[in-house]
Amino acid sequence: MTEKTLSIEQKEWRRKWVVLFSALESLVESGIKLGAALLTGSVALLADSIHSAADVAGSIMVWIGVRLATHKFKRFPYGFYKIENLLALFIGLAVLYGAYEVFLIFLSGKSVLPKNIPIGIAAVLVGVCLDFFWGRFEAKSGRLINSPGIEASGNHTVSDVYSSAVVLISLVGAQFGYNLDRWAALIVAVIISKMGIEILWDNVKVLLDISMSAEKLEAYSKIISRQPGVLTVVSIRGRNAGSFRFINVDVGLKAYNLQQADDITSKIETKLKEHD
C-alpha cells in the first residue's frame, strides 16, 4: 500500500510544525519519566528519561534545520540543503551521549530495589503510547516530505518503545522482589547506542554525497523515458541533500529547436516533482 501524496501546503505545514510538536512530546515524556524515576529510585527509568531528554535536543535541532534549509546567503548561494543531515548527526551524538551517561550509572554498581512501582509502571506505559503513535506519525511525515532529519527523529522515537519495554519488565520484576534495575539500564544503553550509530552513519553517507539508490534512479529513468519527445535516457545520477534530491540526467530528445527542447525538459522536471 503506497502512502498518499501531500500537497505543497501540507508538506510545508508538516515541515514547520511536526518537529516542534515532537520536541513538546519528548519534553512531556521526559518530565514524566524523570519524576517517576525520582519517586521510584529506578536507575533504568532514569536512563529512559535521559533517552527522552536527548530527543528534545534532537527535535529542536531538526526544526532549525528544516527552517534554514532553503535559505540562501551571499557566502552560501546554493542554500543550506544539507543542514538537516548535519543536524541529524547531532541527534546521533546526543543519543550516544545519553548512552554514555547510562553506562556510567551501570559501572558505578549502584542499584537498589525500586519503590512506588505502580507509579513507575504507569509512567512507562504513558511513554510507550506516546512514542509509538507519535513516532510513527513523525516518521511517516518525514518520508512524505522527504526529510531525513524528521524521518530519523520519528524512527528513533518509535525505537524508544523497546527500551521502555525493558524498563517495564524490570519494574514488574521489582514488584515481585527481583532487582533487575541495573541490568535493565545496561540494555537500554545498548539500544540507545545502536540507534545513535545508525543515525550517524545514515547521515554521514548523505554528507559524503553517496549515490541515490539504484531503485530510485531506475524509477526516475522510467518516468523520463515515458515523456513525449524523449528518445533515450543516456545516463542518470542522483544524490540527496536534506529534504531535497538533485538529479543529473543526459537525455536524447526529438526537438527541432532550443525552445522545443526547453519545453520538453520543463515537462520532465514537472513530472519528477509530481512523483516525489
Protein backbone atom coordinates (compact mmCIF):
# COMPACT_ATOMS: atom_id res chain seq x y z
CA MET A 1 0.00 0.00 0.00
CA THR A 2 1.51 3.32 -1.10
CA GLU A 3 1.41 6.43 1.02
CA LYS A 4 -0.69 9.36 -0.19
CA THR A 5 0.92 12.37 -1.82
CA LEU A 6 0.73 15.58 0.14
CA SER A 7 0.05 18.98 -1.37
CA ILE A 8 2.74 21.64 -1.20
CA GLU A 9 0.83 23.40 1.60
CA GLN A 10 0.54 20.18 3.61
CA LYS A 11 4.26 19.50 3.19
CA GLU A 12 5.15 22.96 4.39
CA TRP A 13 2.86 22.60 7.42
CA ARG A 14 4.45 19.31 8.42
CA ARG A 15 7.94 20.61 7.75
CA LYS A 16 7.44 23.59 10.06
CA TRP A 17 5.37 22.14 12.90
CA VAL A 18 5.84 18.37 13.20
CA VAL A 19 9.29 18.70 14.76
CA LEU A 20 8.10 21.33 17.25
CA PHE A 21 5.29 19.02 18.33
CA SER A 22 7.87 16.23 18.60
CA ALA A 23 10.03 18.34 20.90
CA LEU A 24 6.96 19.07 23.06
CA GLU A 25 6.05 15.36 23.17
CA SER A 26 9.60 14.40 24.18
CA LEU A 27 9.73 17.16 26.81
CA VAL A 28 6.47 15.99 28.42
CA GLU A 29 7.55 12.35 28.30
CA SER A 30 11.00 13.10 29.71
CA GLY A 31 9.44 15.06 32.58
CA ILE A 32 7.03 12.24 33.41
CA LYS A 33 9.80 9.64 33.40
CA LEU A 34 12.19 11.80 35.40
CA GLY A 35 9.54 12.46 38.03
CA ALA A 36 8.75 8.74 38.21
CA ALA A 37 12.46 7.89 38.41
CA LEU A 38 12.88 10.21 41.42
CA LEU A 39 9.84 8.70 43.12
CA THR A 40 10.83 5.08 42.43
CA GLY A 41 14.62 5.31 42.64
CA SER A 42 14.83 3.26 39.42
CA VAL A 43 18.14 3.61 37.58
CA ALA A 44 16.59 2.08 34.44
CA LEU A 45 13.77 4.63 34.47
CA LEU A 46 16.31 7.40 34.96
CA ALA A 47 18.18 6.09 31.90
CA ASP A 48 14.97 6.13 29.91
CA SER A 49 14.32 9.74 30.94
CA ILE A 50 17.82 10.68 29.72
CA HIS A 51 16.96 8.96 26.47
CA SER A 52 13.83 11.07 26.09
CA ALA A 53 15.69 14.24 27.05
CA ALA A 54 18.12 13.64 24.19
CA ASP A 55 15.10 13.53 21.87
CA VAL A 56 14.13 17.05 22.92
CA ALA A 57 17.51 18.45 21.86
CA GLY A 58 17.43 16.43 18.66
CA SER A 59 13.96 17.63 17.70
CA ILE A 60 14.92 21.26 18.23
CA MET A 61 18.00 20.82 16.03
CA VAL A 62 15.95 19.26 13.24
CA TRP A 63 13.42 22.10 13.46
CA ILE A 64 16.23 24.61 13.00
CA GLY A 65 17.43 22.59 10.03
CA VAL A 66 14.12 22.44 8.17
CA ARG A 67 13.60 26.19 8.67
CA LEU A 68 17.08 27.08 7.34
CA ALA A 69 17.41 24.52 4.53
CA THR A 70 16.19 26.67 1.61
CA HIS A 71 17.60 30.00 2.80
CA LYS A 72 20.38 31.45 0.68
CA PHE A 73 23.09 33.90 1.70
CA LYS A 74 25.97 35.63 -0.02
CA ARG A 75 28.50 33.07 1.20
CA PHE A 76 26.04 30.20 0.71
CA PRO A 77 24.36 30.93 -2.65
CA TYR A 78 23.17 27.33 -3.07
CA GLY A 79 21.29 27.20 0.21
CA PHE A 80 21.63 25.06 3.35
CA TYR A 81 20.12 21.90 1.89
CA LYS A 82 22.37 19.56 3.83
CA ILE A 83 21.91 21.24 7.17
CA GLU A 84 19.20 18.70 8.05
CA ASN A 85 21.72 15.90 7.63
CA LEU A 86 24.32 17.82 9.61
CA LEU A 87 21.88 18.41 12.46
CA ALA A 88 20.75 14.78 12.28
CA LEU A 89 24.36 13.97 13.16
CA PHE A 90 23.90 15.94 16.37
CA ILE A 91 20.84 13.80 17.12
CA GLY A 92 23.07 10.75 16.83
CA LEU A 93 25.72 12.31 19.06
CA ALA A 94 23.09 13.33 21.63
CA VAL A 95 21.77 9.77 21.65
CA LEU A 96 25.29 8.36 22.14
CA TYR A 97 25.92 10.81 24.96
CA GLY A 98 22.76 9.58 26.66
CA ALA A 99 24.06 6.01 26.30
CA TYR A 100 27.39 7.08 27.81
CA GLU A 101 25.65 8.53 30.87
CA VAL A 102 23.71 5.30 31.35
CA PHE A 103 26.88 3.21 31.06
CA LEU A 104 28.44 5.33 33.81
CA ILE A 105 25.45 4.63 36.04
CA PHE A 106 25.78 0.90 35.35
CA LEU A 107 29.53 0.86 36.04
CA SER A 108 29.02 2.67 39.32
CA GLY A 109 27.40 -0.51 40.64
CA LYS A 110 24.67 1.42 42.44
CA SER A 111 21.40 -0.49 42.47
CA VAL A 112 18.54 -0.57 44.96
CA LEU A 113 15.14 -2.21 44.64
CA PRO A 114 12.77 0.44 43.24
CA LYS A 115 9.85 1.66 45.34
CA ASN A 116 6.45 3.14 44.42
CA ILE A 117 6.48 0.70 41.49
CA PRO A 118 2.90 1.34 40.22
CA ILE A 119 3.87 4.97 39.58
CA GLY A 120 6.86 3.84 37.53
CA ILE A 121 4.81 1.34 35.54
CA ALA A 122 2.17 3.97 34.76
CA ALA A 123 4.85 6.43 33.61
CA VAL A 124 6.43 3.84 31.31
CA LEU A 125 3.07 2.87 29.77
CA VAL A 126 2.27 6.50 29.05
CA GLY A 127 5.68 6.87 27.42
CA VAL A 128 5.19 3.75 25.30
CA CYS A 129 1.88 5.06 23.92
CA LEU A 130 3.34 8.49 23.16
CA ASP A 131 6.43 7.05 21.49
CA PHE A 132 4.64 4.51 19.35
CA PHE A 133 1.83 6.63 17.94
CA TRP A 134 3.65 9.94 17.64
CA GLY A 135 6.86 8.32 16.35
CA ARG A 136 5.03 6.55 13.54
CA PHE A 137 3.29 9.77 12.52
CA GLU A 138 6.57 11.70 12.58
CA ALA A 139 8.48 9.08 10.56
CA LYS A 140 5.66 8.92 8.00
CA SER A 141 5.68 12.70 7.74
CA GLY A 142 9.42 12.64 7.14
CA ARG A 143 9.01 10.15 4.29
CA LEU A 144 6.14 12.08 2.72
CA ILE A 145 8.10 15.34 2.62
CA ASN A 146 11.46 13.61 2.05
CA SER A 147 13.02 14.98 5.22
CA PRO A 148 15.80 12.71 6.54
CA GLY A 149 16.01 14.65 9.80
CA ILE A 150 12.31 14.29 10.57
CA GLU A 151 12.23 10.64 9.50
CA ALA A 152 15.30 9.85 11.64
CA SER A 153 13.71 11.57 14.62
CA GLY A 154 10.47 9.63 14.13
CA ASN A 155 12.19 6.26 13.76
CA HIS A 156 14.21 6.98 16.86
CA THR A 157 11.03 7.84 18.78
CA VAL A 158 9.43 4.54 17.76
CA SER A 159 12.58 2.68 18.82
CA ASP A 160 12.15 4.13 22.32
CA VAL A 161 9.33 1.63 22.78
CA TYR A 162 11.89 -1.18 23.02
CA SER A 163 13.95 0.50 25.73
CA SER A 164 10.75 1.34 27.62
CA ALA A 165 9.67 -2.31 27.38
CA VAL A 166 12.92 -3.33 29.08
CA VAL A 167 12.31 -0.82 31.85
CA LEU A 168 8.73 -2.08 32.21
CA ILE A 169 9.96 -5.67 32.64
CA SER A 170 12.44 -4.59 35.30
CA LEU A 171 9.71 -2.72 37.22
CA VAL A 172 7.35 -5.68 37.06
CA GLY A 173 10.21 -7.85 38.31
CA ALA A 174 10.80 -5.42 41.17
CA GLN A 175 7.13 -5.73 42.08
CA PHE A 176 7.81 -9.41 42.79
CA GLY A 177 11.10 -8.74 44.61
CA TYR A 178 13.55 -9.26 41.72
CA ASN A 179 16.07 -6.43 41.32
CA LEU A 180 16.71 -6.24 37.56
CA ASP A 181 17.03 -2.46 37.51
CA ARG A 182 20.78 -2.07 36.92
CA TRP A 183 20.83 -4.66 34.15
CA ALA A 184 17.80 -3.12 32.51
CA ALA A 185 19.69 0.17 32.45
CA LEU A 186 22.56 -1.57 30.64
CA ILE A 187 20.21 -2.99 27.99
CA VAL A 188 18.69 0.46 27.48
CA ALA A 189 22.20 1.88 26.99
CA VAL A 190 22.97 -0.73 24.31
CA ILE A 191 19.70 0.05 22.47
CA ILE A 192 20.44 3.78 22.63
CA SER A 193 23.98 3.24 21.29
CA LYS A 194 22.78 1.18 18.33
CA MET A 195 20.28 3.80 17.27
CA GLY A 196 22.81 6.61 17.65
CA ILE A 197 25.35 4.82 15.46
CA GLU A 198 22.73 4.13 12.77
CA ILE A 199 21.65 7.78 12.68
CA LEU A 200 25.27 8.92 12.41
CA TRP A 201 26.13 6.52 9.59
CA ASP A 202 22.99 7.21 7.53
CA ASN A 203 23.62 10.93 7.53
CA VAL A 204 27.40 10.74 7.04
CA LYS A 205 26.70 8.87 3.79
CA VAL A 206 24.50 11.72 2.57
CA LEU A 207 27.05 14.36 3.56
CA LEU A 208 29.64 12.43 1.54
CA ASP A 209 27.28 12.53 -1.47
CA ILE A 210 26.58 8.82 -1.70
CA SER A 211 24.58 7.95 -4.80
CA MET A 212 20.80 7.71 -4.65
CA SER A 213 19.59 4.11 -4.59
CA ALA A 214 19.54 2.19 -7.88
CA GLU A 215 15.80 1.56 -7.43
CA LYS A 216 15.06 5.27 -7.11
CA LEU A 217 17.21 6.17 -10.12
CA GLU A 218 15.53 3.45 -12.18
CA ALA A 219 12.11 4.83 -11.26
CA TYR A 220 13.16 8.33 -12.32
CA SER A 221 14.62 6.97 -15.57
CA LYS A 222 11.32 5.29 -16.44
CA ILE A 223 9.38 8.50 -15.78
CA ILE A 224 11.72 10.47 -18.03
CA SER A 225 11.68 7.90 -20.85
CA ARG A 226 7.86 7.97 -20.97
CA GLN A 227 7.71 11.72 -21.66
CA PRO A 228 6.83 12.86 -25.22
CA GLY A 229 9.92 13.89 -27.15
CA VAL A 230 12.38 11.77 -25.14
CA LEU A 231 14.21 9.26 -27.34
CA THR A 232 16.59 7.79 -24.79
CA VAL A 233 17.99 8.27 -21.29
CA VAL A 234 21.76 8.20 -21.80
CA SER A 235 22.75 8.44 -18.14
CA ILE A 236 21.26 9.39 -14.78
CA ARG A 237 22.90 10.22 -11.46
CA GLY A 238 21.36 11.45 -8.22
CA ARG A 239 22.09 12.40 -4.63
CA ASN A 240 20.22 13.55 -1.55
CA ALA A 241 20.74 16.81 0.29
CA GLY A 242 18.47 17.24 3.29
CA SER A 243 14.85 17.15 2.13
CA PHE A 244 15.86 17.67 -1.49
CA ARG A 245 17.02 15.41 -4.30
CA PHE A 246 19.36 16.51 -7.07
CA ILE A 247 19.39 14.57 -10.34
CA ASN A 248 21.75 14.91 -13.30
CA VAL A 249 20.38 13.38 -16.49
CA ASP A 250 21.69 13.13 -20.04
CA VAL A 251 18.84 12.51 -22.49
CA GLY A 252 18.35 12.26 -26.22
CA LEU A 253 15.46 14.46 -27.39
CA LYS A 254 13.44 14.74 -30.59
CA ALA A 255 13.34 18.51 -30.95
CA TYR A 256 13.77 20.89 -33.88
CA ASN A 257 14.83 23.98 -31.94
CA LEU A 258 16.02 25.06 -28.50
CA GLN A 259 12.58 26.29 -27.44
CA GLN A 260 11.05 22.88 -28.11
CA ALA A 261 13.87 21.15 -26.22
CA ASP A 262 13.38 23.55 -23.31
CA ASP A 263 9.65 22.77 -23.20
CA ILE A 264 10.35 19.04 -23.07
CA THR A 265 12.86 19.39 -20.22
CA SER A 266 10.44 21.62 -18.29
CA LYS A 267 7.77 18.92 -18.54
CA ILE A 268 10.29 16.32 -17.36
CA GLU A 269 11.08 18.44 -14.29
CA THR A 270 7.37 18.83 -13.53
CA LYS A 271 6.74 15.08 -13.77
CA LEU A 272 9.69 14.28 -11.49
CA LYS A 273 8.48 16.78 -8.88
CA GLU A 274 4.97 15.32 -9.04
CA HIS A 275 6.44 11.84 -8.46
CA ASP A 276 8.02 12.99 -5.18
